[in-house]
Protein backbone atom coordinates (compact mmCIF):
# COMPACT_ATOMS: atom_id res chain seq x y z
CA MET A 1 0.00 0.00 0.00
CA PRO A 2 1.28 3.50 -0.76
CA LYS A 3 1.70 6.12 1.91
CA ILE A 4 -1.20 8.50 2.57
CA LYS A 5 -0.50 12.00 1.32
CA THR A 6 -0.79 14.95 3.69
CA HIS A 7 -3.27 17.65 2.62
CA LYS A 8 -0.96 20.63 2.08
CA GLY A 9 -3.65 23.25 2.73
CA ALA A 10 -4.48 21.67 6.10
CA LYS A 11 -0.80 21.34 6.95
CA LYS A 12 -0.39 25.11 6.64
CA ARG A 13 -3.49 25.92 8.70
CA PHE A 14 -3.37 23.50 11.63
CA LYS A 15 -0.80 22.48 14.25
CA PHE A 16 -0.95 19.78 16.91
CA THR A 17 -0.48 20.60 20.59
CA GLY A 18 1.56 18.39 22.89
CA SER A 19 -1.55 16.65 24.17
CA GLY A 20 -2.77 15.88 20.63
CA LYS A 21 -5.39 18.61 20.24
CA ILE A 22 -5.44 20.69 17.06
CA LYS A 23 -4.75 24.44 17.08
CA ARG A 24 -6.11 26.87 14.48
CA LYS A 25 -5.90 30.58 13.82
CA SER A 26 -8.87 32.89 14.34
CA PRO A 27 -10.87 33.99 11.30
CA TYR A 28 -11.61 37.66 10.53
CA THR A 29 -7.97 38.73 10.88
CA GLY A 30 -7.24 39.80 7.31
CA HIS A 31 -8.55 43.34 6.84
CA LEU A 32 -11.19 45.92 7.87
CA PHE A 33 -9.64 46.53 11.27
CA SER A 34 -10.90 50.08 11.73
CA SER A 35 -14.42 48.83 12.46
CA LYS A 36 -13.23 46.27 15.04
CA THR A 37 -12.64 47.21 18.67
CA ALA A 38 -9.21 46.91 20.27
CA LYS A 39 -10.48 44.16 22.56
CA ARG A 40 -11.82 42.16 19.64
CA LYS A 41 -8.57 42.53 17.67
CA ARG A 42 -6.54 41.51 20.72
CA ASN A 43 -8.66 38.35 21.20
CA LEU A 44 -8.39 37.49 17.49
CA ARG A 45 -4.60 37.26 17.85
CA LYS A 46 -4.92 34.19 20.08
CA SER A 47 -5.01 30.72 18.57
CA LYS A 48 -8.03 28.53 19.15
CA ILE A 49 -8.56 24.79 19.62
CA VAL A 50 -10.52 22.96 16.91
CA HIS A 51 -13.92 21.74 18.11
CA ASN A 52 -14.09 18.00 18.73
CA THR A 53 -16.79 17.52 16.05
CA ASP A 54 -14.29 18.65 13.38
CA GLU A 55 -11.24 16.89 14.84
CA ASN A 56 -11.66 13.59 12.98
CA ARG A 57 -12.00 15.34 9.60
CA ILE A 58 -8.77 17.27 10.13
CA LYS A 59 -6.89 14.25 11.47
CA ARG A 60 -7.79 12.42 8.24
CA LEU A 61 -6.14 15.25 6.28
CA LEU A 62 -3.04 15.15 8.51
CA PRO A 63 -2.27 11.42 8.86
CA TYR A 64 1.25 11.84 10.28
CA GLY A 65 0.49 14.60 12.84
């Protein structure tokens, strides 16, 4: 059997934590910052954990994570 290929788009967007959870970046961080409050922009800088309902889909895209 051949090796499973890693999905390159998912590889660039997701990272695994030490405990095996999946980190992601916040959306809405590209442009139009003048209409967003400082508090909202500050909270958007933080990375988030992927919800457990989506975890299996992402793990299938990243087989060697």
